[in-house]
Amino acid sequence: MDPWVWWLIAAVGLGIPLVLTATPEFGMFAVGAVAAAATAALGAGTVPQVLVFAAVSVALIAVVRPIAARHRNQRPQMPSGVEALKGRQAVVLERVDGSGGRIKLAGEVWSARTLDSDQVCEVGQQVDVVDIDGATAVVM
């Protein structure tokens, strides 16, 4: 069997743990094996094939891994859940003070309290959501 076929078999063999474990390094080694298969198909000897495999694999790990780690550690650009509600405006449905009240926020009725316990928000007033504390919106 030709050497390039063995390299393709190795690439498939490295692709299996990639799928099973979701470890991207196996994918990088599989790409290195495909590059070595291309080198073998061009008629290069065993040493150049191994060097191409090693060079491509190491280059991919050295370049792609730091980029992937940087993206994995970034916070999402678009807030979701309660984070998306912070900073939005709401309308007071029932008087809101330090002990409670009701607001309409994002089309839903929420229990609310003011950030400052001395502050009072009357019905119909626009308020800003500062925080979400459990199921209670903290407004000002």
C-alpha atoms as a PDB file:
ATOM      1  CA  MET A   1       0.000   0.000   0.000  1.00  0.00           C
ATOM      2  CA  ASP A   2       1.255   3.497  -0.803  1.00  0.00           C
ATOM      3  CA  PRO A   3       2.519   5.677   2.062  1.00  0.00           C
ATOM      4  CA  TRP A   4      -0.037   8.410   1.384  1.00  0.00           C
ATOM      5  CA  VAL A   5      -2.840   5.918   2.109  1.00  0.00           C
ATOM      6  CA  TRP A   6      -1.285   5.150   5.499  1.00  0.00           C
ATOM      7  CA  TRP A   7      -1.174   8.852   6.266  1.00  0.00           C
ATOM      8  CA  LEU A   8      -4.864   9.190   5.371  1.00  0.00           C
ATOM      9  CA  ILE A   9      -5.660   6.217   7.610  1.00  0.00           C
ATOM     10  CA  ALA A  10      -3.704   7.963  10.384  1.00  0.00           C
ATOM     11  CA  ALA A  11      -5.693  11.169   9.741  1.00  0.00           C
ATOM     12  CA  VAL A  12      -8.972   9.285  10.112  1.00  0.00           C
ATOM     13  CA  GLY A  13      -7.608   7.549  13.204  1.00  0.00           C
ATOM     14  CA  LEU A  14      -6.770  10.945  14.710  1.00  0.00           C
ATOM     15  CA  GLY A  15     -10.182  12.280  13.722  1.00  0.00           C
ATOM     16  CA  ILE A  16     -11.997   9.639  15.768  1.00  0.00           C
ATOM     17  CA  PRO A  17     -10.743  10.869  19.183  1.00  0.00           C
ATOM     18  CA  LEU A  18     -11.418  14.422  17.991  1.00  0.00           C
ATOM     19  CA  VAL A  19     -15.085  13.551  17.573  1.00  0.00           C
ATOM     20  CA  LEU A  20     -15.298  11.442  20.741  1.00  0.00           C
ATOM     21  CA  THR A  21     -13.472  13.786  23.109  1.00  0.00           C
ATOM     22  CA  ALA A  22     -13.860  17.191  21.410  1.00  0.00           C
ATOM     23  CA  THR A  23     -10.133  17.759  21.898  1.00  0.00           C
ATOM     24  CA  PRO A  24      -9.090  20.073  19.055  1.00  0.00           C
ATOM     25  CA  GLU A  25      -5.446  19.001  19.188  1.00  0.00           C
ATOM     26  CA  PHE A  26      -6.400  15.688  17.575  1.00  0.00           C
ATOM     27  CA  GLY A  27      -7.864  17.641  14.668  1.00  0.00           C
ATOM     28  CA  MET A  28      -4.610  19.550  14.291  1.00  0.00           C
ATOM     29  CA  PHE A  29      -2.663  16.290  14.211  1.00  0.00           C
ATOM     30  CA  ALA A  30      -5.152  14.951  11.630  1.00  0.00           C
ATOM     31  CA  VAL A  31      -4.500  17.994   9.410  1.00  0.00           C
ATOM     32  CA  GLY A  32      -0.769  17.331   9.801  1.00  0.00           C
ATOM     33  CA  ALA A  33      -1.348  13.750   8.667  1.00  0.00           C
ATOM     34  CA  VAL A  34      -3.265  14.975   5.605  1.00  0.00           C
ATOM     35  CA  ALA A  35      -0.360  17.320   4.782  1.00  0.00           C
ATOM     36  CA  ALA A  36       2.040  14.388   5.122  1.00  0.00           C
ATOM     37  CA  ALA A  37      -0.218  12.342   2.818  1.00  0.00           C
ATOM     38  CA  ALA A  38      -0.016  15.117   0.238  1.00  0.00           C
ATOM     39  CA  THR A  39       3.764  15.140   0.620  1.00  0.00           C
ATOM     40  CA  ALA A  40       3.867  11.357   0.128  1.00  0.00           C
ATOM     41  CA  ALA A  41       1.590  11.625  -2.929  1.00  0.00           C
ATOM     42  CA  LEU A  42       4.076  14.085  -4.452  1.00  0.00           C
ATOM     43  CA  GLY A  43       6.765  11.406  -4.144  1.00  0.00           C
ATOM     44  CA  ALA A  44       8.767  12.693  -1.167  1.00  0.00           C
ATOM     45  CA  GLY A  45      10.553  10.212   1.068  1.00  0.00           C
ATOM     46  CA  THR A  46       9.714   9.142   4.600  1.00  0.00           C
ATOM     47  CA  VAL A  47      11.820  11.807   6.351  1.00  0.00           C
ATOM     48  CA  PRO A  48      10.153  14.753   4.534  1.00  0.00           C
ATOM     49  CA  GLN A  49       6.732  13.218   5.224  1.00  0.00           C
ATOM     50  CA  VAL A  50       7.429  13.004   8.962  1.00  0.00           C
ATOM     51  CA  LEU A  51       8.914  16.515   8.978  1.00  0.00           C
ATOM     52  CA  VAL A  52       5.837  17.936   7.206  1.00  0.00           C
ATOM     53  CA  PHE A  53       3.551  16.102   9.655  1.00  0.00           C
ATOM     54  CA  ALA A  54       5.476  17.455  12.642  1.00  0.00           C
ATOM     55  CA  ALA A  55       5.818  20.991  11.258  1.00  0.00           C
ATOM     56  CA  VAL A  56       2.154  21.374  10.303  1.00  0.00           C
ATOM     57  CA  SER A  57       0.915  19.839  13.557  1.00  0.00           C
ATOM     58  CA  VAL A  58       3.178  21.964  15.763  1.00  0.00           C
ATOM     59  CA  ALA A  59       2.412  25.113  13.759  1.00  0.00           C
ATOM     60  CA  LEU A  60      -1.324  24.571  14.094  1.00  0.00           C
ATOM     61  CA  ILE A  61      -1.056  23.928  17.828  1.00  0.00           C
ATOM     62  CA  ALA A  62       1.198  26.945  18.313  1.00  0.00           C
ATOM     63  CA  VAL A  63      -1.078  29.283  16.339  1.00  0.00           C
ATOM     64  CA  VAL A  64      -4.617  27.976  16.781  1.00  0.00           C
ATOM     65  CA  ARG A  65      -4.561  26.987  20.467  1.00  0.00           C
ATOM     66  CA  PRO A  66      -3.832  30.474  21.871  1.00  0.00           C
ATOM     67  CA  ILE A  67      -6.476  31.984  19.604  1.00  0.00           C
ATOM     68  CA  ALA A  68      -9.047  29.389  20.688  1.00  0.00           C
ATOM     69  CA  ALA A  69      -8.172  29.891  24.368  1.00  0.00           C
ATOM     70  CA  ARG A  70      -8.559  33.657  24.019  1.00  0.00           C
ATOM     71  CA  HIS A  71     -12.000  33.255  22.440  1.00  0.00           C
ATOM     72  CA  ARG A  72     -13.085  30.687  25.001  1.00  0.00           C
ATOM     73  CA  ASN A  73     -12.300  33.071  27.875  1.00  0.00           C
ATOM     74  CA  GLN A  74     -14.111  36.077  26.368  1.00  0.00           C
ATOM     75  CA  ARG A  75     -17.503  37.050  27.677  1.00  0.00           C
ATOM     76  CA  PRO A  76     -20.320  36.900  25.153  1.00  0.00           C
ATOM     77  CA  GLN A  77     -20.767  40.119  23.193  1.00  0.00           C
ATOM     78  CA  MET A  78     -24.537  40.088  23.537  1.00  0.00           C
ATOM     79  CA  PRO A  79     -25.814  39.802  27.108  1.00  0.00           C
ATOM     80  CA  SER A  80     -28.562  37.292  27.752  1.00  0.00           C
ATOM     81  CA  GLY A  81     -30.869  36.375  30.611  1.00  0.00           C
ATOM     82  CA  VAL A  82     -30.993  38.814  33.507  1.00  0.00           C
ATOM     83  CA  GLU A  83     -27.824  40.524  32.255  1.00  0.00           C
ATOM     84  CA  ALA A  84     -29.802  41.710  29.226  1.00  0.00           C
ATOM     85  CA  LEU A  85     -32.391  43.344  31.493  1.00  0.00           C
ATOM     86  CA  LYS A  86     -29.928  45.490  33.411  1.00  0.00           C
ATOM     87  CA  GLY A  87     -29.911  49.051  32.125  1.00  0.00           C
ATOM     88  CA  ARG A  88     -33.323  48.777  30.445  1.00  0.00           C
ATOM     89  CA  GLN A  89     -36.233  51.039  31.170  1.00  0.00           C
ATOM     90  CA  ALA A  90     -39.487  49.892  32.756  1.00  0.00           C
ATOM     91  CA  VAL A  91     -42.866  51.411  33.592  1.00  0.00           C
ATOM     92  CA  VAL A  92     -44.175  51.438  37.163  1.00  0.00           C
ATOM     93  CA  LEU A  93     -47.500  49.563  37.472  1.00  0.00           C
ATOM     94  CA  GLU A  94     -47.829  49.764  41.260  1.00  0.00           C
ATOM     95  CA  ARG A  95     -46.011  52.242  43.482  1.00  0.00           C
ATOM     96  CA  VAL A  96     -42.404  51.140  43.986  1.00  0.00           C
ATOM     97  CA  ASP A  97     -40.419  51.977  47.100  1.00  0.00           C
ATOM     98  CA  GLY A  98     -37.749  50.340  49.231  1.00  0.00           C
ATOM     99  CA  SER A  99     -40.149  47.587  50.324  1.00  0.00           C
ATOM    100  CA  GLY A 100     -41.538  46.656  46.917  1.00  0.00           C
ATOM    101  CA  GLY A 101     -43.918  47.306  44.047  1.00  0.00           C
ATOM    102  CA  ARG A 102     -44.560  46.188  40.473  1.00  0.00           C
ATOM    103  CA  ILE A 103     -43.105  47.231  37.115  1.00  0.00           C
ATOM    104  CA  LYS A 104     -43.537  46.201  33.498  1.00  0.00           C
ATOM    105  CA  LEU A 105     -40.140  45.201  32.130  1.00  0.00           C
ATOM    106  CA  ALA A 106     -39.611  43.751  28.651  1.00  0.00           C
ATOM    107  CA  GLY A 107     -43.325  42.975  28.346  1.00  0.00           C
ATOM    108  CA  GLU A 108     -43.486  41.116  31.661  1.00  0.00           C
ATOM    109  CA  VAL A 109     -44.662  42.144  35.112  1.00  0.00           C
ATOM    110  CA  TRP A 110     -41.859  42.074  37.671  1.00  0.00           C
ATOM    111  CA  SER A 111     -41.719  42.718  41.378  1.00  0.00           C
ATOM    112  CA  ALA A 112     -39.436  45.648  42.035  1.00  0.00           C
ATOM    113  CA  ARG A 113     -37.861  47.725  44.761  1.00  0.00           C
ATOM    114  CA  THR A 114     -35.909  50.943  44.643  1.00  0.00           C
ATOM    115  CA  LEU A 115     -32.151  51.051  45.002  1.00  0.00           C
ATOM    116  CA  ASP A 116     -32.436  53.814  47.580  1.00  0.00           C
ATOM    117  CA  SER A 117     -34.917  52.884  50.316  1.00  0.00           C
ATOM    118  CA  ASP A 118     -36.054  56.534  50.603  1.00  0.00           C
ATOM    119  CA  GLN A 119     -36.915  56.822  46.901  1.00  0.00           C
ATOM    120  CA  VAL A 120     -40.516  56.371  45.715  1.00  0.00           C
ATOM    121  CA  CYS A 121     -41.624  55.788  42.106  1.00  0.00           C
ATOM    122  CA  GLU A 122     -45.267  56.455  41.239  1.00  0.00           C
ATOM    123  CA  VAL A 123     -47.545  54.651  38.751  1.00  0.00           C
ATOM    124  CA  GLY A 124     -46.728  55.441  35.120  1.00  0.00           C
ATOM    125  CA  GLN A 125     -43.219  56.684  35.862  1.00  0.00           C
ATOM    126  CA  GLN A 126     -40.290  55.441  33.750  1.00  0.00           C
ATOM    127  CA  VAL A 127     -37.550  53.817  35.821  1.00  0.00           C
ATOM    128  CA  ASP A 128     -34.152  52.340  34.990  1.00  0.00           C
ATOM    129  CA  VAL A 129     -33.332  48.769  36.011  1.00  0.00           C
ATOM    130  CA  VAL A 130     -30.058  48.777  37.919  1.00  0.00           C
ATOM    131  CA  ASP A 131     -29.877  45.138  38.980  1.00  0.00           C
ATOM    132  CA  ILE A 132     -31.882  41.939  39.216  1.00  0.00           C
ATOM    133  CA  ASP A 133     -31.961  40.435  42.699  1.00  0.00           C
ATOM    134  CA  GLY A 134     -33.533  36.996  42.386  1.00  0.00           C
ATOM    135  CA  ALA A 135     -36.978  37.667  40.918  1.00  0.00           C
ATOM    136  CA  THR A 136     -36.965  41.332  41.950  1.00  0.00           C
ATOM    137  CA  ALA A 137     -35.817  44.192  39.757  1.00  0.00           C
ATOM    138  CA  VAL A 138     -33.853  46.886  41.545  1.00  0.00           C
ATOM    139  CA  VAL A 139     -34.755  50.247  39.997  1.00  0.00           C
ATOM    140  CA  MET A 140     -34.007  53.922  40.280  1.00  0.00           C
END
